[in-house]
Amino acid sequence: MSQTENVVDVALIGGGVMSATLGTLLSELEPTWSIRVFERLSEAALESSNPWNNAGTGHSALCELNYTPEKADGSIDITSAVKVNEQFQVSRQFWSHLVNAGMLPSPEAFINPVPHMSFVWGEANVEYLRKRWEALKDHPLFAGMEFSDDASVIRSWSPLLIPGRLKSQPIAATRIASGTDVDFGALTRLLLDLLRERGADFTPESKVTAITRMRDGVWRITYRHEIGYTKFHFFARFVFVGAGGHALNLLQKSGIKEIRGFGGFPVSGEFLRTDNPEIAARHDAKVYGKAAVGSPPMSVPHLDRRVVDGVPSLMFGPYAGFSPKFLKTGSWFDLFASIRWHNLVPMIAAGASNLGLVKYLIGQLVARKSTKFASLEEFFPNADPKDWYRITAGQRVQVIKKDKKKLGVLQFGTEVVAAADGSIAGLLGASPGASTAVPIMIGLLEKCFPAKLEQWKPALRAMVPSYGTQLSDDPTLADTTMTRTATALGIAR
């Protein structure tokens, strides 16, 4: 039986953007609820929410070509792009609410205007990009998208892309000036500071090792301090496992049947980075290209301007790799420790049906440094190796789950797994991740607290005015909402 004085209403495991977002939402909806956050590392946002570990810092499908595949008939499917953009607008509305209410400081502490561009070369890719632009340019969520196949225009958008390139090479680009760069590490810390001001406890250097349901329905959380390895117990009425790659293992330990059949496939990554201020000053954009034929969605190359602590840098990648770790600071045994009898078949089946991914990863692992740098030169022909250095990105664990045939499928996305009674839930998966944290966490609230939802709707609409509607269905509402949030966040519209 749990000890009443040691029970909190909400336990958040993992000090990343997902836990911080959910905690902030709940503190707005239920101000009297007690919240405790557990973080394995010494500070918050050191794993996937860290800006140098996060491959996408403002995913809104404005430039990411993998969200707009070309169908067999040659037309462009914009369904995923519209969905991701819609989700990002929800996040923007929530952040705007917090800024307007004085709960977050000046927005430039975590979000900065950076145009989003798509850039391709080769006749077939130029034609694809033209068709993509035609499919998106009149959509209310993609208003303002420009297209050009003129090198002088593209050079005015991003000076690094053109010098040194063959004039005979067909090229094209699209650009939306209203794109953003989000420092999710800074945002996470600001949200957790807000939670602490409201009475929440933040417990760093504390690794949760077990989650056990007690007879009274309360969850016992066993954790140990990473310094001294002393074990402690705590109790919570609701538990969210937002521990990145470690979430799978903890949900398995909780014993909920809903996690059966789920597995994970870890993918590591590297980027090239430059902090040379002269180079950074010449590239005010996030530029996404087209993945090579046969490459997985995670391999889409991009040359990004990043603004961290007010200082601009450029990153290029990703270069994929493999590690059995489920976290950047995890264990070499993470993958093997996640194998259970109920997920063995899905993991084998997913591996067998994704031999192309395995081949791609092997190719990336054995690629020479010169070969990797050549992919940067396709974007930035005059790049100098002396200006760039390699950084290791965060670990991503792609979801493996049973398909309709009870075998297994590798899923490139995120998934909320919750117990039937809603008392515990966790988030698995990766992209688009942080950019869509707010709609993902609102979806979790709907799933875990259905009895509270009607009571919460007014507050949810105050935080996210479009809640319950789709901006893409109402051009006027979309324009009004996007203009309002742009003003609040100090970004272009």
Foldseek 3Di string as FASTA:
>chain_A
DDDVVQEFAEEEEALFLLSLLLLLLCCLLPVPGEYEYEAQAPDHCPFQLAPQQDPDFFDQLLAQCVCWDQDPVRATDNVSNQVSNLLLLLVLLLVLLCLVVVLFDALVLWKDFFKAKEKEWDPVVLVSVVNVCVVPCPFLSNDQKDKDQDLVVVCVQFVQQRPPDDPPIGMMMIIHRQTMGGNRSSVSVSSVVSSVVSPYHYHYQKAWDAWEQDPVRKIKTWIARNVPRDIDIGIYQAYEYAHFLCSLVHVVRHVFPLSFQKAWFKKWWKKKKFQPQVNLVRGRYKYWYDDDPLEDSVWTWIWDWHAHPNGTMIIITTQIEGACARKPPGDSCNRVSSDDPRNPQQVVLACVVVVSHVVSRVCSVPDDPVVVVVVVCNRRVPDDPVRIDMDIHIMWIWMWGADPVRGIHTDADKDKGAHQQLRYIYMHGPPPPPSSSNVVSVVSCCRRPVVCCVVSVVVSCSSRVCPPHGCSVPSVVSVVSVVSSCVSNVGDD
